[in-house]
């Protein structure tokens, strides 16, 4: 994803695509949003009832995303599991990179229909999503293009990707060649050796 929230000293000149500053004492929280996907909202209403937030799915790092909940969420969805994971109405915040990486970690083919996941696969996937996101956070995120963290530094998670943007390269686990398919106009990467379609 492009764009960033950065902590800067007050008085730092705004650059192209810097759209919002929030002054926090001796720091400024600045929103840079080149693709204009973001929004800054001020409300005194309950966040749960806000129209842009009310339909959001479960937070993936919360206890609410457990194997039973994931299994229940998948039951009515025939879409491929990779696209299901990226649907913010089901699970919020699992983007393209981390959906591919989580499915690799769980050993699940990204093309498998979500409603065909077994309870055991949902248990592996719930754990894999949490582990993948935590590892990425520790590494500062994935800086593939213009992403930077709040401190302006680039993340390093991309150097640890198992499948994402590794098409044709040997899988780090089984040495099979990583493949790429397009799902919902997005690239999906997977290992045909480790992620067999079942």
N, C-alpha and C. Protein backbone atom coordinates (compact mmCIF):
# COMPACT_ATOMS: atom_id res chain seq x y z
N UNK A 1 0.85 -1.17 0.00
CA UNK A 1 0.00 0.00 0.00
C UNK A 1 0.89 1.22 0.00
N UNK A 2 0.46 2.22 -0.67
CA UNK A 2 1.22 3.46 -0.68
C UNK A 2 0.69 4.38 0.41
N UNK A 3 1.44 5.43 0.66
CA UNK A 3 1.03 6.38 1.69
C UNK A 3 1.64 6.05 3.03
N UNK A 4 1.53 7.01 3.95
CA UNK A 4 2.12 6.79 5.27
C UNK A 4 1.56 7.77 6.29
N UNK A 5 1.72 7.41 7.54
CA UNK A 5 1.53 8.30 8.68
C UNK A 5 2.92 8.44 9.29
N UNK A 6 3.43 9.66 9.37
CA UNK A 6 4.78 9.86 9.89
C UNK A 6 4.76 10.85 11.04
N UNK A 7 5.63 10.62 12.01
CA UNK A 7 5.84 11.57 13.09
C UNK A 7 7.01 12.47 12.71
N UNK A 8 6.75 13.78 12.70
CA UNK A 8 7.75 14.74 12.24
C UNK A 8 7.87 15.89 13.22
N UNK A 9 8.99 16.61 13.19
CA UNK A 9 9.10 17.82 14.00
C UNK A 9 8.16 18.90 13.44
N UNK A 10 7.60 19.73 14.32
CA UNK A 10 6.76 20.84 13.82
C UNK A 10 7.55 21.73 12.86
N UNK A 11 6.86 22.26 11.87
CA UNK A 11 7.52 23.13 10.91
C UNK A 11 8.13 22.39 9.73
N UNK A 12 8.08 21.07 9.72
CA UNK A 12 8.59 20.33 8.57
C UNK A 12 7.73 20.67 7.36
N UNK A 13 8.35 21.17 6.29
CA UNK A 13 7.56 21.59 5.12
C UNK A 13 6.77 20.42 4.52
N UNK A 14 5.54 20.70 4.14
CA UNK A 14 4.71 19.70 3.48
C UNK A 14 5.23 19.47 2.07
N UNK A 15 5.10 18.24 1.61
CA UNK A 15 5.49 17.89 0.25
C UNK A 15 4.26 17.43 -0.51
N UNK A 16 4.47 17.15 -1.78
CA UNK A 16 3.37 16.68 -2.61
C UNK A 16 2.74 15.45 -1.95
N UNK A 17 1.44 15.39 -1.94
CA UNK A 17 0.65 14.28 -1.38
C UNK A 17 0.57 14.28 0.14
N UNK A 18 1.12 15.30 0.81
CA UNK A 18 0.91 15.44 2.25
C UNK A 18 -0.41 16.20 2.41
N UNK A 19 -1.40 15.55 3.05
CA UNK A 19 -2.75 16.10 3.06
C UNK A 19 -3.25 16.53 4.42
N UNK A 20 -2.61 16.10 5.50
CA UNK A 20 -3.17 16.40 6.82
C UNK A 20 -2.07 16.35 7.88
N UNK A 21 -2.08 17.33 8.78
CA UNK A 21 -1.18 17.35 9.94
C UNK A 21 -2.01 17.40 11.22
N UNK A 22 -1.63 16.59 12.19
CA UNK A 22 -2.21 16.65 13.52
C UNK A 22 -1.08 16.97 14.48
N UNK A 23 -1.14 18.13 15.13
CA UNK A 23 -0.08 18.56 16.04
C UNK A 23 -0.28 17.85 17.38
N UNK A 24 0.77 17.15 17.80
CA UNK A 24 0.76 16.40 19.06
C UNK A 24 1.92 16.88 19.92
N UNK A 25 1.77 18.05 20.55
CA UNK A 25 2.84 18.60 21.38
C UNK A 25 4.04 18.96 20.54
N UNK A 26 5.15 18.26 20.76
CA UNK A 26 6.38 18.57 20.03
C UNK A 26 6.56 17.72 18.77
N UNK A 27 5.50 17.11 18.31
CA UNK A 27 5.53 16.31 17.09
C UNK A 27 4.30 16.61 16.23
N UNK A 28 4.41 16.27 14.96
CA UNK A 28 3.30 16.39 14.02
C UNK A 28 3.09 15.02 13.41
N UNK A 29 1.84 14.56 13.43
CA UNK A 29 1.48 13.32 12.74
C UNK A 29 0.97 13.74 11.37
N UNK A 30 1.69 13.34 10.31
CA UNK A 30 1.37 13.78 8.95
C UNK A 30 0.92 12.61 8.09
N UNK A 31 -0.18 12.83 7.39
CA UNK A 31 -0.72 11.84 6.46
C UNK A 31 -0.23 12.16 5.05
N UNK A 32 0.46 11.22 4.46
CA UNK A 32 0.84 11.31 3.04
C UNK A 32 0.02 10.24 2.33
N UNK A 33 -0.73 10.66 1.33
CA UNK A 33 -1.69 9.75 0.68
C UNK A 33 -1.72 9.99 -0.82
N UNK A 34 -0.72 9.49 -1.57
CA UNK A 34 -0.66 9.75 -3.00
C UNK A 34 -1.86 9.21 -3.78
N UNK A 35 -2.42 8.09 -3.35
CA UNK A 35 -3.54 7.51 -4.10
C UNK A 35 -4.90 7.93 -3.55
N UNK A 36 -4.91 8.70 -2.50
CA UNK A 36 -6.13 9.24 -1.88
C UNK A 36 -7.11 8.14 -1.47
N UNK A 37 -6.56 7.10 -0.84
CA UNK A 37 -7.38 6.02 -0.29
C UNK A 37 -7.77 6.32 1.16
N UNK A 38 -7.01 7.17 1.83
CA UNK A 38 -7.21 7.43 3.25
C UNK A 38 -8.29 8.45 3.51
N UNK A 39 -8.60 8.59 4.80
CA UNK A 39 -9.57 9.60 5.23
C UNK A 39 -9.25 9.97 6.67
N UNK A 40 -9.51 11.20 7.01
CA UNK A 40 -9.41 11.67 8.39
C UNK A 40 -10.79 12.13 8.79
N UNK A 41 -11.33 11.52 9.82
CA UNK A 41 -12.69 11.81 10.26
C UNK A 41 -12.68 12.27 11.70
N UNK A 42 -13.49 13.26 12.00
CA UNK A 42 -13.64 13.73 13.38
C UNK A 42 -15.09 13.51 13.76
N UNK A 43 -15.30 12.78 14.84
CA UNK A 43 -16.68 12.50 15.23
C UNK A 43 -16.78 12.38 16.75
N UNK A 44 -17.93 12.74 17.26
CA UNK A 44 -18.20 12.54 18.68
C UNK A 44 -19.10 11.31 18.88
N UNK A 45 -19.49 10.70 17.77
CA UNK A 45 -20.34 9.51 17.81
C UNK A 45 -19.49 8.28 18.13
N UNK A 46 -20.16 7.20 18.45
CA UNK A 46 -19.48 5.93 18.68
C UNK A 46 -18.82 5.48 17.38
N UNK A 47 -17.57 5.06 17.47
CA UNK A 47 -16.87 4.60 16.27
C UNK A 47 -17.55 3.39 15.65
N UNK A 48 -18.12 2.53 16.48
CA UNK A 48 -18.79 1.33 15.97
C UNK A 48 -19.99 1.65 15.10
N UNK A 49 -20.58 2.84 15.25
CA UNK A 49 -21.76 3.18 14.47
C UNK A 49 -21.43 4.06 13.26
N UNK A 50 -20.18 4.46 13.11
CA UNK A 50 -19.82 5.31 11.97
C UNK A 50 -19.99 4.51 10.68
N UNK A 51 -20.62 5.08 9.64
CA UNK A 51 -20.91 4.32 8.42
C UNK A 51 -19.67 3.73 7.74
N UNK A 52 -18.52 4.39 7.85
CA UNK A 52 -17.32 3.85 7.22
C UNK A 52 -16.66 2.75 8.04
N UNK A 53 -17.03 2.64 9.31
CA UNK A 53 -16.40 1.66 10.20
C UNK A 53 -17.32 0.53 10.62
N UNK A 54 -18.62 0.77 10.58
CA UNK A 54 -19.59 -0.19 11.11
C UNK A 54 -19.54 -1.54 10.41
N UNK A 55 -19.21 -1.56 9.14
CA UNK A 55 -19.23 -2.81 8.38
C UNK A 55 -17.89 -3.52 8.34
N UNK A 56 -16.90 -2.99 9.08
CA UNK A 56 -15.59 -3.63 9.05
C UNK A 56 -15.60 -4.96 9.80
N UNK A 57 -14.78 -5.86 9.32
CA UNK A 57 -14.69 -7.19 9.90
C UNK A 57 -13.85 -7.23 11.16
N UNK A 58 -13.52 -8.43 11.56
CA UNK A 58 -12.79 -8.68 12.79
C UNK A 58 -11.32 -8.23 12.64
N UNK A 59 -10.75 -7.73 13.71
CA UNK A 59 -9.34 -7.30 13.75
C UNK A 59 -8.49 -8.57 13.83
N UNK A 60 -7.55 -8.77 12.90
CA UNK A 60 -6.84 -10.04 12.85
C UNK A 60 -5.91 -10.32 14.03
N UNK A 61 -5.42 -9.30 14.70
CA UNK A 61 -4.52 -9.55 15.84
C UNK A 61 -5.27 -9.63 17.16
N UNK A 62 -6.59 -9.51 17.12
CA UNK A 62 -7.38 -9.60 18.35
C UNK A 62 -7.72 -11.05 18.66
N UNK A 63 -8.16 -11.27 19.88
CA UNK A 63 -8.60 -12.62 20.27
C UNK A 63 -9.85 -13.03 19.51
N UNK A 64 -10.55 -12.05 18.95
CA UNK A 64 -11.79 -12.34 18.22
C UNK A 64 -11.53 -13.21 16.98
N UNK A 65 -10.34 -13.12 16.40
CA UNK A 65 -10.03 -13.98 15.25
C UNK A 65 -9.42 -15.27 15.79
N UNK A 66 -10.29 -16.18 16.11
CA UNK A 66 -9.85 -17.51 16.55
C UNK A 66 -10.31 -18.52 15.50
N UNK A 67 -9.86 -19.77 15.59
CA UNK A 67 -10.22 -20.76 14.57
C UNK A 67 -11.73 -20.92 14.37
N UNK A 68 -12.50 -20.94 15.44
CA UNK A 68 -13.95 -21.12 15.31
C UNK A 68 -14.59 -19.94 14.59
N UNK A 69 -14.16 -18.74 14.90
CA UNK A 69 -14.71 -17.54 14.24
C UNK A 69 -14.34 -17.52 12.77
N UNK A 70 -13.09 -17.85 12.45
CA UNK A 70 -12.67 -17.88 11.06
C UNK A 70 -13.47 -18.93 10.29
N UNK A 71 -13.64 -20.09 10.88
CA UNK A 71 -14.42 -21.15 10.23
C UNK A 71 -15.85 -20.65 9.96
N UNK A 72 -16.47 -20.04 10.95
CA UNK A 72 -17.84 -19.53 10.79
C UNK A 72 -17.90 -18.45 9.71
N UNK A 73 -16.91 -17.58 9.65
CA UNK A 73 -16.90 -16.51 8.64
C UNK A 73 -16.80 -17.05 7.22
N UNK A 74 -16.14 -18.18 7.04
CA UNK A 74 -15.90 -18.71 5.70
C UNK A 74 -17.06 -19.51 5.13
N UNK A 75 -18.00 -19.91 5.94
CA UNK A 75 -19.03 -20.88 5.52
C UNK A 75 -19.85 -20.45 4.32
N UNK A 76 -20.16 -19.19 4.17
CA UNK A 76 -21.05 -18.75 3.10
C UNK A 76 -20.31 -18.13 1.91
N UNK A 77 -19.01 -18.34 1.84
CA UNK A 77 -18.22 -17.64 0.82
C UNK A 77 -17.51 -18.62 -0.10
N UNK A 78 -17.90 -18.58 -1.37
CA UNK A 78 -17.30 -19.46 -2.38
C UNK A 78 -16.07 -18.82 -3.03
N UNK A 79 -15.83 -17.56 -2.73
CA UNK A 79 -14.67 -16.87 -3.31
C UNK A 79 -13.40 -17.59 -2.88
N UNK A 80 -12.35 -17.51 -3.70
CA UNK A 80 -11.07 -18.09 -3.28
C UNK A 80 -10.63 -17.50 -1.93
N UNK A 81 -10.01 -18.33 -1.13
CA UNK A 81 -9.65 -17.92 0.24
C UNK A 81 -8.77 -16.68 0.25
N UNK A 82 -7.91 -16.50 -0.73
CA UNK A 82 -7.06 -15.30 -0.77
C UNK A 82 -7.92 -14.05 -0.89
N UNK A 83 -8.91 -14.07 -1.75
CA UNK A 83 -9.79 -12.90 -1.90
C UNK A 83 -10.65 -12.71 -0.65
N UNK A 84 -11.07 -13.80 -0.04
CA UNK A 84 -11.83 -13.72 1.21
C UNK A 84 -11.02 -12.99 2.28
N UNK A 85 -9.73 -13.34 2.40
CA UNK A 85 -8.89 -12.72 3.43
C UNK A 85 -8.73 -11.22 3.22
N UNK A 86 -8.80 -10.77 1.99
CA UNK A 86 -8.61 -9.35 1.69
C UNK A 86 -9.91 -8.55 1.76
N UNK A 87 -11.02 -9.21 2.05
CA UNK A 87 -12.31 -8.53 2.14
C UNK A 87 -12.45 -7.93 3.54
N UNK A 88 -12.33 -6.63 3.64
CA UNK A 88 -12.36 -5.95 4.93
C UNK A 88 -13.68 -6.06 5.68
N UNK A 89 -14.72 -6.56 5.03
CA UNK A 89 -15.99 -6.80 5.72
C UNK A 89 -15.94 -8.08 6.54
N UNK A 90 -14.94 -8.92 6.28
CA UNK A 90 -14.78 -10.19 7.00
C UNK A 90 -13.65 -10.08 8.03
N UNK A 91 -12.46 -9.75 7.51
CA UNK A 91 -11.27 -9.54 8.34
C UNK A 91 -10.65 -8.25 7.85
N UNK A 92 -10.35 -7.36 8.75
CA UNK A 92 -9.85 -6.05 8.34
C UNK A 92 -8.31 -6.05 8.37
N UNK A 93 -7.70 -5.42 7.38
CA UNK A 93 -6.27 -5.15 7.43
C UNK A 93 -5.33 -6.23 6.92
N UNK A 94 -5.84 -7.31 6.31
CA UNK A 94 -4.95 -8.31 5.72
C UNK A 94 -4.88 -7.98 4.23
N UNK A 95 -3.83 -7.31 3.83
CA UNK A 95 -3.69 -6.89 2.45
C UNK A 95 -3.09 -7.98 1.57
N UNK A 96 -2.81 -7.62 0.35
CA UNK A 96 -2.36 -8.56 -0.67
C UNK A 96 -1.09 -9.31 -0.27
N UNK A 97 -0.10 -8.60 0.21
CA UNK A 97 1.16 -9.24 0.58
C UNK A 97 0.94 -10.26 1.69
N UNK A 98 0.29 -9.82 2.76
CA UNK A 98 0.20 -10.66 3.95
C UNK A 98 -0.84 -11.77 3.80
N UNK A 99 -1.78 -11.62 2.87
CA UNK A 99 -2.69 -12.73 2.56
C UNK A 99 -1.90 -13.86 1.91
N UNK A 100 -1.07 -13.53 0.91
CA UNK A 100 -0.25 -14.57 0.26
C UNK A 100 0.70 -15.22 1.26
N UNK A 101 1.34 -14.41 2.08
CA UNK A 101 2.30 -14.94 3.04
C UNK A 101 1.62 -15.80 4.11
N UNK A 102 0.44 -15.39 4.57
CA UNK A 102 -0.28 -16.16 5.59
C UNK A 102 -0.73 -17.51 5.04
N UNK A 103 -1.22 -17.51 3.81
CA UNK A 103 -1.65 -18.77 3.20
C UNK A 103 -0.48 -19.71 2.99
N UNK A 104 0.69 -19.17 2.63
CA UNK A 104 1.88 -20.03 2.53
C UNK A 104 2.20 -20.63 3.89
N UNK A 105 2.23 -19.80 4.90
CA UNK A 105 2.55 -20.26 6.26
C UNK A 105 1.60 -21.37 6.72
N UNK A 106 0.32 -21.25 6.31
CA UNK A 106 -0.69 -22.23 6.71
C UNK A 106 -0.74 -23.44 5.79
N UNK A 107 -0.02 -23.38 4.65
CA UNK A 107 -0.02 -24.50 3.72
C UNK A 107 -1.33 -24.65 2.96
N UNK A 108 -1.98 -23.52 2.65
CA UNK A 108 -3.29 -23.54 1.99
C UNK A 108 -3.18 -22.89 0.62
N UNK A 109 -3.71 -23.56 -0.39
CA UNK A 109 -3.73 -23.04 -1.75
C UNK A 109 -4.63 -21.80 -1.79
N UNK A 110 -4.15 -20.68 -2.32
CA UNK A 110 -4.94 -19.45 -2.33
C UNK A 110 -6.19 -19.53 -3.21
N UNK A 111 -6.24 -20.51 -4.09
CA UNK A 111 -7.39 -20.64 -5.01
C UNK A 111 -8.53 -21.46 -4.41
N UNK A 112 -8.28 -22.11 -3.28
CA UNK A 112 -9.30 -22.93 -2.63
C UNK A 112 -10.49 -22.07 -2.23
N UNK A 113 -11.72 -22.47 -2.56
CA UNK A 113 -12.88 -21.69 -2.11
C UNK A 113 -12.91 -21.61 -0.57
N UNK A 114 -13.19 -20.44 -0.06
CA UNK A 114 -13.16 -20.23 1.40
C UNK A 114 -14.08 -21.20 2.13
N UNK A 115 -15.23 -21.49 1.54
CA UNK A 115 -16.18 -22.38 2.24
C UNK A 115 -15.76 -23.85 2.23
N UNK A 116 -14.65 -24.15 1.58
CA UNK A 116 -14.13 -25.53 1.61
C UNK A 116 -13.02 -25.71 2.63
N UNK A 117 -12.69 -24.66 3.37
CA UNK A 117 -11.68 -24.80 4.43
C UNK A 117 -12.23 -25.66 5.55
N UNK A 118 -11.40 -26.55 6.04
CA UNK A 118 -11.79 -27.41 7.15
C UNK A 118 -11.53 -26.67 8.47
N UNK A 119 -12.08 -27.16 9.57
CA UNK A 119 -11.76 -26.55 10.86
C UNK A 119 -10.25 -26.56 11.15
N UNK A 120 -9.56 -27.62 10.76
CA UNK A 120 -8.11 -27.69 10.98
C UNK A 120 -7.38 -26.64 10.15
N UNK A 121 -7.80 -26.46 8.90
CA UNK A 121 -7.18 -25.44 8.06
C UNK A 121 -7.44 -24.05 8.61
N UNK A 122 -8.64 -23.81 9.12
CA UNK A 122 -8.95 -22.51 9.72
C UNK A 122 -8.10 -22.26 10.96
N UNK A 123 -7.83 -23.29 11.72
CA UNK A 123 -6.97 -23.15 12.90
C UNK A 123 -5.56 -22.76 12.47
N UNK A 124 -5.03 -23.45 11.45
CA UNK A 124 -3.69 -23.11 10.95
C UNK A 124 -3.66 -21.71 10.37
N UNK A 125 -4.71 -21.35 9.64
CA UNK A 125 -4.75 -20.04 8.99
C UNK A 125 -4.87 -18.91 10.01
N UNK A 126 -5.69 -19.08 11.03
CA UNK A 126 -5.82 -18.04 12.06
C UNK A 126 -4.46 -17.80 12.73
N UNK A 127 -3.75 -18.88 13.04
CA UNK A 127 -2.40 -18.74 13.64
C UNK A 127 -1.44 -18.09 12.66
N UNK A 128 -1.51 -18.49 11.38
CA UNK A 128 -0.59 -17.98 10.37
C UNK A 128 -0.80 -16.48 10.12
N UNK A 129 -2.05 -16.03 10.10
CA UNK A 129 -2.33 -14.61 9.91
C UNK A 129 -1.68 -13.80 11.02
N UNK A 130 -1.89 -14.23 12.25
CA UNK A 130 -1.33 -13.51 13.40
C UNK A 130 0.20 -13.52 13.37
N UNK A 131 0.78 -14.68 13.09
CA UNK A 131 2.25 -14.78 13.05
C UNK A 131 2.84 -13.94 11.93
N UNK A 132 2.21 -13.96 10.77
CA UNK A 132 2.68 -13.19 9.62
C UNK A 132 2.63 -11.69 9.91
N UNK A 133 1.50 -11.23 10.43
CA UNK A 133 1.37 -9.80 10.72
C UNK A 133 2.32 -9.35 11.83
N UNK A 134 2.47 -10.15 12.86
CA UNK A 134 3.40 -9.78 13.95
C UNK A 134 4.84 -9.72 13.44
N UNK A 135 5.23 -10.69 12.62
CA UNK A 135 6.60 -10.68 12.06
C UNK A 135 6.81 -9.45 11.19
N UNK A 136 5.79 -9.09 10.39
CA UNK A 136 5.91 -7.91 9.53
C UNK A 136 6.01 -6.63 10.35
N UNK A 137 5.23 -6.55 11.42
CA UNK A 137 5.29 -5.37 12.29
C UNK A 137 6.67 -5.24 12.92
N UNK A 138 7.21 -6.36 13.42
CA UNK A 138 8.56 -6.33 14.01
C UNK A 138 9.60 -5.88 13.00
N UNK A 139 9.40 -6.23 11.71
CA UNK A 139 10.35 -5.86 10.66
C UNK A 139 10.09 -4.47 10.10
N UNK A 140 9.08 -3.78 10.60
CA UNK A 140 8.79 -2.42 10.13
C UNK A 140 7.95 -2.36 8.88
N UNK A 141 7.30 -3.48 8.51
CA UNK A 141 6.46 -3.51 7.32
C UNK A 141 7.24 -3.86 6.08
N UNK A 142 6.55 -3.89 4.95
CA UNK A 142 7.16 -4.24 3.66
C UNK A 142 7.29 -2.99 2.81
N UNK A 143 8.51 -2.55 2.59
CA UNK A 143 8.76 -1.37 1.75
C UNK A 143 9.10 -1.84 0.34
N UNK A 144 8.08 -2.06 -0.46
CA UNK A 144 8.30 -2.52 -1.83
C UNK A 144 8.42 -1.35 -2.79
N UNK A 145 7.66 -0.31 -2.55
CA UNK A 145 7.70 0.85 -3.43
C UNK A 145 7.99 2.10 -2.61
N UNK A 146 6.93 2.73 -2.07
CA UNK A 146 7.17 3.98 -1.36
C UNK A 146 6.76 3.93 0.10
N UNK A 147 6.46 2.75 0.63
CA UNK A 147 6.02 2.65 2.02
C UNK A 147 7.16 2.99 2.98
N UNK A 148 6.85 3.82 3.98
CA UNK A 148 7.77 4.08 5.09
C UNK A 148 6.95 4.04 6.37
N UNK A 149 7.63 3.78 7.47
CA UNK A 149 6.99 3.76 8.77
C UNK A 149 6.82 5.16 9.33
N UNK A 150 6.29 5.23 10.55
CA UNK A 150 6.03 6.53 11.20
C UNK A 150 7.30 7.35 11.39
N UNK A 151 8.45 6.68 11.48
CA UNK A 151 9.71 7.38 11.66
C UNK A 151 10.37 7.75 10.33
N UNK A 152 9.71 7.41 9.20
CA UNK A 152 10.26 7.71 7.88
C UNK A 152 11.17 6.64 7.35
N UNK A 153 11.46 5.63 8.18
CA UNK A 153 12.35 4.54 7.76
C UNK A 153 11.62 3.48 6.95
N UNK A 154 12.38 2.82 6.11
CA UNK A 154 11.81 1.73 5.30
C UNK A 154 11.73 0.46 6.14
N UNK A 155 10.71 -0.32 5.87
CA UNK A 155 10.56 -1.61 6.52
C UNK A 155 11.47 -2.65 5.87
N UNK A 156 11.58 -3.82 6.51
CA UNK A 156 12.46 -4.87 6.00
C UNK A 156 11.74 -6.20 5.84
N UNK A 157 10.42 -6.23 6.01
CA UNK A 157 9.70 -7.51 5.91
C UNK A 157 9.83 -8.14 4.53
N UNK A 158 10.00 -7.32 3.49
CA UNK A 158 10.09 -7.85 2.14
C UNK A 158 11.29 -8.78 1.96
N UNK A 159 12.34 -8.60 2.73
CA UNK A 159 13.50 -9.49 2.61
C UNK A 159 13.22 -10.88 3.19
N UNK A 160 12.11 -11.00 3.92
CA UNK A 160 11.74 -12.28 4.53
C UNK A 160 10.53 -12.93 3.87
N UNK A 161 9.99 -12.33 2.84
CA UNK A 161 8.82 -12.92 2.18
C UNK A 161 9.14 -14.32 1.69
N UNK A 162 8.22 -15.22 1.93
CA UNK A 162 8.39 -16.60 1.47
C UNK A 162 7.94 -16.78 0.03
N UNK A 163 6.86 -16.09 -0.36
CA UNK A 163 6.35 -16.25 -1.73
C UNK A 163 6.09 -14.93 -2.45
N UNK A 164 5.72 -13.89 -1.74
CA UNK A 164 5.30 -12.65 -2.39
C UNK A 164 6.42 -12.08 -3.26
N UNK A 165 6.09 -11.81 -4.54
CA UNK A 165 7.01 -11.29 -5.56
C UNK A 165 8.24 -12.18 -5.74
N UNK A 166 8.07 -13.50 -5.55
CA UNK A 166 9.17 -14.44 -5.74
C UNK A 166 8.86 -15.44 -6.86
N UNK A 167 8.03 -15.03 -7.82
CA UNK A 167 7.65 -15.91 -8.92
C UNK A 167 8.88 -16.47 -9.61
N UNK A 168 8.88 -17.80 -9.83
CA UNK A 168 9.98 -18.48 -10.52
C UNK A 168 11.16 -18.80 -9.64
N UNK A 169 11.20 -18.27 -8.43
CA UNK A 169 12.30 -18.56 -7.50
C UNK A 169 11.98 -19.81 -6.70
N UNK A 170 13.00 -20.43 -6.17
CA UNK A 170 12.82 -21.65 -5.39
C UNK A 170 12.17 -21.34 -4.05
N UNK A 171 11.18 -22.15 -3.71
CA UNK A 171 10.55 -22.03 -2.39
C UNK A 171 11.62 -22.24 -1.33
N UNK A 172 11.58 -21.43 -0.30
CA UNK A 172 12.58 -21.52 0.77
C UNK A 172 12.38 -22.75 1.64
N UNK A 173 11.23 -23.41 1.49
CA UNK A 173 10.94 -24.60 2.29
C UNK A 173 11.16 -25.89 1.51
N UNK A 174 10.63 -25.96 0.25
CA UNK A 174 10.67 -27.23 -0.49
C UNK A 174 11.41 -27.16 -1.81
N UNK A 175 11.84 -25.99 -2.24
CA UNK A 175 12.60 -25.76 -3.48
C UNK A 175 11.75 -25.80 -4.75
N UNK A 176 10.44 -26.03 -4.67
CA UNK A 176 9.59 -25.92 -5.85
C UNK A 176 9.58 -24.45 -6.29
N UNK A 177 9.28 -24.22 -7.56
CA UNK A 177 9.26 -22.84 -8.06
C UNK A 177 7.96 -22.16 -7.64
N UNK A 178 8.11 -20.96 -7.07
CA UNK A 178 6.96 -20.15 -6.66
C UNK A 178 6.19 -19.73 -7.91
N UNK A 179 4.88 -19.82 -7.85
CA UNK A 179 4.02 -19.45 -8.97
C UNK A 179 3.23 -18.19 -8.64
N UNK A 180 2.74 -17.56 -9.71
CA UNK A 180 1.92 -16.35 -9.59
C UNK A 180 0.65 -16.54 -10.41
N UNK A 181 -0.48 -16.19 -9.82
CA UNK A 181 -1.75 -16.15 -10.53
C UNK A 181 -2.39 -14.80 -10.23
N UNK A 182 -3.33 -14.40 -11.05
CA UNK A 182 -4.05 -13.15 -10.82
C UNK A 182 -5.44 -13.50 -10.29
N UNK A 183 -5.77 -12.93 -9.14
CA UNK A 183 -7.08 -13.11 -8.52
C UNK A 183 -7.65 -11.74 -8.19
N UNK A 184 -8.83 -11.46 -8.69
CA UNK A 184 -9.43 -10.15 -8.41
C UNK A 184 -8.53 -9.01 -8.81
N UNK A 185 -7.86 -9.12 -9.94
CA UNK A 185 -6.95 -8.10 -10.48
C UNK A 185 -5.72 -7.86 -9.60
N UNK A 186 -5.43 -8.79 -8.70
CA UNK A 186 -4.24 -8.67 -7.83
C UNK A 186 -3.37 -9.91 -8.01
N UNK A 187 -2.06 -9.73 -7.93
CA UNK A 187 -1.14 -10.86 -8.01
C UNK A 187 -1.19 -11.68 -6.73
N UNK A 188 -1.25 -12.98 -6.90
CA UNK A 188 -1.21 -13.92 -5.79
C UNK A 188 -0.02 -14.84 -6.02
N UNK A 189 0.78 -15.04 -4.99
CA UNK A 189 1.96 -15.88 -5.09
C UNK A 189 1.77 -17.07 -4.16
N UNK A 190 2.22 -18.25 -4.63
CA UNK A 190 2.09 -19.46 -3.81
C UNK A 190 3.10 -20.50 -4.25
N UNK A 191 3.33 -21.47 -3.39
CA UNK A 191 4.23 -22.58 -3.68
C UNK A 191 3.37 -23.81 -3.98
N UNK A 192 3.45 -24.36 -5.20
CA UNK A 192 2.64 -25.53 -5.52
C UNK A 192 3.05 -26.78 -4.74
N UNK A 193 4.24 -26.78 -4.18
CA UNK A 193 4.69 -27.92 -3.37
C UNK A 193 4.16 -27.85 -1.95
N UNK A 194 4.19 -26.69 -1.36
CA UNK A 194 3.79 -26.52 0.05
C UNK A 194 2.30 -26.21 0.21
N UNK A 195 1.66 -25.73 -0.85
CA UNK A 195 0.27 -25.30 -0.78
C UNK A 195 -0.58 -26.09 -1.76
N UNK A 196 -0.66 -27.37 -1.55
CA UNK A 196 -1.42 -28.25 -2.47
C UNK A 196 -2.91 -28.00 -2.33
N UNK A 197 -3.59 -28.02 -3.48
CA UNK A 197 -5.04 -27.80 -3.50
C UNK A 197 -5.74 -29.08 -3.03
N UNK A 198 -6.54 -28.95 -1.98
CA UNK A 198 -7.21 -30.12 -1.43
C UNK A 198 -8.69 -29.91 -1.40
